[in-house]
Amino acid sequence: MLATYLHRTIPSYYKTMYMDGFEPWEILEAKRKEMKSKFFDEEPQNYEIHFTSEIKVK
């Protein structure tokens, strides 16, 4: 609730936010909002992630 109240005046992210006087934490929060909305608006997909590692001892 408090976070929502504090961030109510932060607009959507745009590239020149720093020129308009927004502080770094405000720009970061705007970018986070944009990323969250993109993530949750997408259709769920099945992603497969494969990790490969190799260890060499000299």
PDB file of N, CA and C in Angstrom:
ATOM      1  N   MET A   1       0.809  -1.186   0.000  1.00  0.00           N
ATOM      2  CA  MET A   1       0.000   0.000   0.000  1.00  0.00           C
ATOM      3  C   MET A   1       0.862   1.263   0.000  1.00  0.00           C
ATOM      4  N   LEU A   2       1.856   1.302   0.847  1.00  0.00           N
ATOM      5  CA  LEU A   2       2.713   2.478   0.913  1.00  0.00           C
ATOM      6  C   LEU A   2       3.502   2.642  -0.385  1.00  0.00           C
ATOM      7  N   ALA A   3       4.004   1.523  -0.930  1.00  0.00           N
ATOM      8  CA  ALA A   3       4.755   1.595  -2.184  1.00  0.00           C
ATOM      9  C   ALA A   3       3.868   2.115  -3.306  1.00  0.00           C
ATOM     10  N   THR A   4       2.644   1.660  -3.359  1.00  0.00           N
ATOM     11  CA  THR A   4       1.707   2.131  -4.384  1.00  0.00           C
ATOM     12  C   THR A   4       1.467   3.631  -4.229  1.00  0.00           C
ATOM     13  N   TYR A   5       1.334   4.075  -3.013  1.00  0.00           N
ATOM     14  CA  TYR A   5       1.117   5.497  -2.742  1.00  0.00           C
ATOM     15  C   TYR A   5       2.323   6.331  -3.181  1.00  0.00           C
ATOM     16  N   LEU A   6       3.528   5.855  -2.879  1.00  0.00           N
ATOM     17  CA  LEU A   6       4.738   6.603  -3.214  1.00  0.00           C
ATOM     18  C   LEU A   6       4.997   6.643  -4.720  1.00  0.00           C
ATOM     19  N   HIS A   7       4.594   5.601  -5.425  1.00  0.00           N
ATOM     20  CA  HIS A   7       4.891   5.491  -6.857  1.00  0.00           C
ATOM     21  C   HIS A   7       3.743   5.942  -7.744  1.00  0.00           C
ATOM     22  N   ARG A   8       2.731   6.564  -7.196  1.00  0.00           N
ATOM     23  CA  ARG A   8       1.553   6.934  -7.983  1.00  0.00           C
ATOM     24  C   ARG A   8       1.844   8.018  -9.011  1.00  0.00           C
ATOM     25  N   THR A   9       2.853   8.836  -8.778  1.00  0.00           N
ATOM     26  CA  THR A   9       3.145   9.933  -9.699  1.00  0.00           C
ATOM     27  C   THR A   9       4.184   9.575 -10.758  1.00  0.00           C
ATOM     28  N   ILE A  10       4.693   8.359 -10.735  1.00  0.00           N
ATOM     29  CA  ILE A  10       5.698   7.954 -11.712  1.00  0.00           C
ATOM     30  C   ILE A  10       4.991   7.535 -13.000  1.00  0.00           C
ATOM     31  N   PRO A  11       5.317   8.183 -14.121  1.00  0.00           N
ATOM     32  CA  PRO A  11       4.660   7.833 -15.387  1.00  0.00           C
ATOM     33  C   PRO A  11       5.241   6.547 -15.974  1.00  0.00           C
ATOM     34  N   SER A  12       4.712   6.140 -17.099  1.00  0.00           N
ATOM     35  CA  SER A  12       5.275   4.997 -17.809  1.00  0.00           C
ATOM     36  C   SER A  12       6.682   5.357 -18.271  1.00  0.00           C
ATOM     37  N   TYR A  13       7.515   4.335 -18.455  1.00  0.00           N
ATOM     38  CA  TYR A  13       8.912   4.542 -18.834  1.00  0.00           C
ATOM     39  C   TYR A  13       9.032   5.108 -20.244  1.00  0.00           C
ATOM     40  N   TYR A  14       9.937   6.049 -20.412  1.00  0.00           N
ATOM     41  CA  TYR A  14      10.353   6.522 -21.731  1.00  0.00           C
ATOM     42  C   TYR A  14      11.836   6.878 -21.636  1.00  0.00           C
ATOM     43  N   LYS A  15      12.512   6.852 -22.773  1.00  0.00           N
ATOM     44  CA  LYS A  15      13.978   6.928 -22.793  1.00  0.00           C
ATOM     45  C   LYS A  15      14.565   8.218 -22.219  1.00  0.00           C
ATOM     46  N   THR A  16      13.879   9.306 -22.298  1.00  0.00           N
ATOM     47  CA  THR A  16      14.448  10.583 -21.861  1.00  0.00           C
ATOM     48  C   THR A  16      13.911  11.040 -20.510  1.00  0.00           C
ATOM     49  N   MET A  17      13.585  10.114 -19.656  1.00  0.00           N
ATOM     50  CA  MET A  17      13.062  10.483 -18.330  1.00  0.00           C
ATOM     51  C   MET A  17      14.078  11.279 -17.519  1.00  0.00           C
ATOM     52  N   TYR A  18      15.363  10.969 -17.696  1.00  0.00           N
ATOM     53  CA  TYR A  18      16.393  11.670 -16.931  1.00  0.00           C
ATOM     54  C   TYR A  18      16.453  13.148 -17.307  1.00  0.00           C
ATOM     55  N   MET A  19      16.111  13.459 -18.546  1.00  0.00           N
ATOM     56  CA  MET A  19      16.114  14.863 -18.981  1.00  0.00           C
ATOM     57  C   MET A  19      14.959  15.661 -18.373  1.00  0.00           C
ATOM     58  N   ASP A  20      13.914  14.955 -17.981  1.00  0.00           N
ATOM     59  CA  ASP A  20      12.755  15.614 -17.385  1.00  0.00           C
ATOM     60  C   ASP A  20      12.864  15.747 -15.875  1.00  0.00           C
ATOM     61  N   GLY A  21      14.006  15.343 -15.320  1.00  0.00           N
ATOM     62  CA  GLY A  21      14.245  15.561 -13.900  1.00  0.00           C
ATOM     63  C   GLY A  21      13.861  14.409 -12.986  1.00  0.00           C
ATOM     64  N   PHE A  22      13.544  13.253 -13.532  1.00  0.00           N
ATOM     65  CA  PHE A  22      13.235  12.110 -12.676  1.00  0.00           C
ATOM     66  C   PHE A  22      14.513  11.568 -12.064  1.00  0.00           C
ATOM     67  N   GLU A  23      14.413  11.114 -10.846  1.00  0.00           N
ATOM     68  CA  GLU A  23      15.561  10.551 -10.155  1.00  0.00           C
ATOM     69  C   GLU A  23      15.779   9.122 -10.614  1.00  0.00           C
ATOM     70  N   PRO A  24      17.000   8.580 -10.408  1.00  0.00           N
ATOM     71  CA  PRO A  24      17.291   7.227 -10.874  1.00  0.00           C
ATOM     72  C   PRO A  24      16.334   6.167 -10.330  1.00  0.00           C
ATOM     73  N   TRP A  25      15.926   6.272  -9.074  1.00  0.00           N
ATOM     74  CA  TRP A  25      15.025   5.255  -8.523  1.00  0.00           C
ATOM     75  C   TRP A  25      13.651   5.327  -9.170  1.00  0.00           C
ATOM     76  N   GLU A  26      13.234   6.529  -9.601  1.00  0.00           N
ATOM     77  CA  GLU A  26      11.949   6.672 -10.273  1.00  0.00           C
ATOM     78  C   GLU A  26      11.995   6.077 -11.680  1.00  0.00           C
ATOM     79  N   ILE A  27      13.120   6.279 -12.366  1.00  0.00           N
ATOM     80  CA  ILE A  27      13.292   5.703 -13.703  1.00  0.00           C
ATOM     81  C   ILE A  27      13.321   4.183 -13.613  1.00  0.00           C
ATOM     82  N   LEU A  28      14.013   3.670 -12.621  1.00  0.00           N
ATOM     83  CA  LEU A  28      14.084   2.218 -12.425  1.00  0.00           C
ATOM     84  C   LEU A  28      12.704   1.638 -12.123  1.00  0.00           C
ATOM     85  N   GLU A  29      11.943   2.297 -11.309  1.00  0.00           N
ATOM     86  CA  GLU A  29      10.598   1.821 -10.976  1.00  0.00           C
ATOM     87  C   GLU A  29       9.686   1.844 -12.194  1.00  0.00           C
ATOM     88  N   ALA A  30       9.807   2.871 -13.025  1.00  0.00           N
ATOM     89  CA  ALA A  30       9.008   2.945 -14.250  1.00  0.00           C
ATOM     90  C   ALA A  30       9.372   1.799 -15.190  1.00  0.00           C
ATOM     91  N   LYS A  31      10.652   1.496 -15.300  1.00  0.00           N
ATOM     92  CA  LYS A  31      11.103   0.384 -16.156  1.00  0.00           C
ATOM     93  C   LYS A  31      10.604  -0.943 -15.602  1.00  0.00           C
ATOM     94  N   ARG A  32      10.634  -1.093 -14.285  1.00  0.00           N
ATOM     95  CA  ARG A  32      10.123  -2.328 -13.664  1.00  0.00           C
ATOM     96  C   ARG A  32       8.644  -2.526 -13.967  1.00  0.00           C
ATOM     97  N   LYS A  33       7.871  -1.442 -13.880  1.00  0.00           N
ATOM     98  CA  LYS A  33       6.440  -1.528 -14.193  1.00  0.00           C
ATOM     99  C   LYS A  33       6.230  -1.979 -15.624  1.00  0.00           C
ATOM    100  N   GLU A  34       7.019  -1.409 -16.547  1.00  0.00           N
ATOM    101  CA  GLU A  34       6.910  -1.769 -17.961  1.00  0.00           C
ATOM    102  C   GLU A  34       7.250  -3.245 -18.170  1.00  0.00           C
ATOM    103  N   MET A  35       8.322  -3.705 -17.530  1.00  0.00           N
ATOM    104  CA  MET A  35       8.737  -5.101 -17.683  1.00  0.00           C
ATOM    105  C   MET A  35       7.693  -6.051 -17.113  1.00  0.00           C
ATOM    106  N   LYS A  36       7.128  -5.708 -15.958  1.00  0.00           N
ATOM    107  CA  LYS A  36       6.091  -6.554 -15.357  1.00  0.00           C
ATOM    108  C   LYS A  36       4.863  -6.638 -16.252  1.00  0.00           C
ATOM    109  N   SER A  37       4.444  -5.510 -16.800  1.00  0.00           N
ATOM    110  CA  SER A  37       3.251  -5.525 -17.639  1.00  0.00           C
ATOM    111  C   SER A  37       3.488  -6.332 -18.909  1.00  0.00           C
ATOM    112  N   LYS A  38       4.671  -6.227 -19.498  1.00  0.00           N
ATOM    113  CA  LYS A  38       4.980  -7.028 -20.687  1.00  0.00           C
ATOM    114  C   LYS A  38       4.993  -8.513 -20.355  1.00  0.00           C
ATOM    115  N   PHE A  39       5.557  -8.865 -19.213  1.00  0.00           N
ATOM    116  CA  PHE A  39       5.654 -10.274 -18.815  1.00  0.00           C
ATOM    117  C   PHE A  39       4.274 -10.875 -18.569  1.00  0.00           C
ATOM    118  N   PHE A  40       3.413 -10.159 -17.853  1.00  0.00           N
ATOM    119  CA  PHE A  40       2.113 -10.710 -17.500  1.00  0.00           C
ATOM    120  C   PHE A  40       1.084 -10.597 -18.625  1.00  0.00           C
ATOM    121  N   ASP A  41       1.313  -9.730 -19.606  1.00  0.00           N
ATOM    122  CA  ASP A  41       0.389  -9.589 -20.720  1.00  0.00           C
ATOM    123  C   ASP A  41       0.616 -10.626 -21.811  1.00  0.00           C
ATOM    124  N   GLU A  42       1.816 -11.217 -21.838  1.00  0.00           N
ATOM    125  CA  GLU A  42       2.124 -12.214 -22.868  1.00  0.00           C
ATOM    126  C   GLU A  42       1.365 -13.506 -22.611  1.00  0.00           C
ATOM    127  N   GLU A  43       1.143 -14.234 -23.677  1.00  0.00           N
ATOM    128  CA  GLU A  43       0.534 -15.552 -23.552  1.00  0.00           C
ATOM    129  C   GLU A  43       1.545 -16.495 -22.909  1.00  0.00           C
ATOM    130  N   PRO A  44       1.093 -17.353 -22.019  1.00  0.00           N
ATOM    131  CA  PRO A  44       2.020 -18.318 -21.427  1.00  0.00           C
ATOM    132  C   PRO A  44       2.575 -19.255 -22.500  1.00  0.00           C
ATOM    133  N   GLN A  45       3.863 -19.457 -22.451  1.00  0.00           N
ATOM    134  CA  GLN A  45       4.515 -20.333 -23.415  1.00  0.00           C
ATOM    135  C   GLN A  45       5.354 -21.340 -22.659  1.00  0.00           C
ATOM    136  N   ASN A  46       5.585 -22.439 -23.303  1.00  0.00           N
ATOM    137  CA  ASN A  46       6.447 -23.463 -22.709  1.00  0.00           C
ATOM    138  C   ASN A  46       7.881 -23.194 -23.142  1.00  0.00           C
ATOM    139  N   TYR A  47       8.683 -22.783 -22.217  1.00  0.00           N
ATOM    140  CA  TYR A  47      10.082 -22.526 -22.507  1.00  0.00           C
ATOM    141  C   TYR A  47      10.905 -23.694 -21.987  1.00  0.00           C
ATOM    142  N   GLU A  48      11.881 -24.087 -22.766  1.00  0.00           N
ATOM    143  CA  GLU A  48      12.819 -25.109 -22.316  1.00  0.00           C
ATOM    144  C   GLU A  48      14.179 -24.454 -22.189  1.00  0.00           C
ATOM    145  N   ILE A  49      14.792 -24.641 -21.050  1.00  0.00           N
ATOM    146  CA  ILE A  49      16.103 -24.070 -20.798  1.00  0.00           C
ATOM    147  C   ILE A  49      17.056 -25.216 -20.526  1.00  0.00           C
ATOM    148  N   HIS A  50      18.157 -25.233 -21.253  1.00  0.00           N
ATOM    149  CA  HIS A  50      19.162 -26.270 -21.077  1.00  0.00           C
ATOM    150  C   HIS A  50      20.474 -25.611 -20.662  1.00  0.00           C
ATOM    151  N   PHE A  51      21.067 -26.131 -19.598  1.00  0.00           N
ATOM    152  CA  PHE A  51      22.347 -25.636 -19.130  1.00  0.00           C
ATOM    153  C   PHE A  51      23.404 -26.694 -19.383  1.00  0.00           C
ATOM    154  N   THR A  52      24.547 -26.249 -19.863  1.00  0.00           N
ATOM    155  CA  THR A  52      25.671 -27.138 -20.073  1.00  0.00           C
ATOM    156  C   THR A  52      26.870 -26.505 -19.388  1.00  0.00           C
ATOM    157  N   SER A  53      27.581 -27.314 -18.629  1.00  0.00           N
ATOM    158  CA  SER A  53      28.773 -26.775 -17.962  1.00  0.00           C
ATOM    159  C   SER A  53      29.931 -27.735 -18.179  1.00  0.00           C
ATOM    160  N   GLU A  54      31.118 -27.177 -18.133  1.00  0.00           N
ATOM    161  CA  GLU A  54      32.321 -27.961 -18.336  1.00  0.00           C
ATOM    162  C   GLU A  54      33.376 -27.479 -17.352  1.00  0.00           C
ATOM    163  N   ILE A  55      34.023 -28.411 -16.705  1.00  0.00           N
ATOM    164  CA  ILE A  55      35.062 -28.081 -15.732  1.00  0.00           C
ATOM    165  C   ILE A  55      36.370 -28.681 -16.225  1.00  0.00           C
ATOM    166  N   LYS A  56      37.399 -27.854 -16.319  1.00  0.00           N
ATOM    167  CA  LYS A  56      38.711 -28.320 -16.737  1.00  0.00           C
ATOM    168  C   LYS A  56      39.688 -28.087 -15.600  1.00  0.00           C
ATOM    169  N   VAL A  57      40.457 -29.106 -15.290  1.00  0.00           N
ATOM    170  CA  VAL A  57      41.454 -29.009 -14.231  1.00  0.00           C
ATOM    171  C   VAL A  57      42.824 -28.987 -14.894  1.00  0.00           C
ATOM    172  N   LYS A  58      43.617 -28.000 -14.529  1.00  0.00           N
ATOM    173  CA  LYS A  58      44.963 -27.894 -15.107  1.00  0.00           C
ATOM    174  C   LYS A  58      45.972 -28.543 -14.214  1.00  0.00           C
TER     175      LYS A  58
END
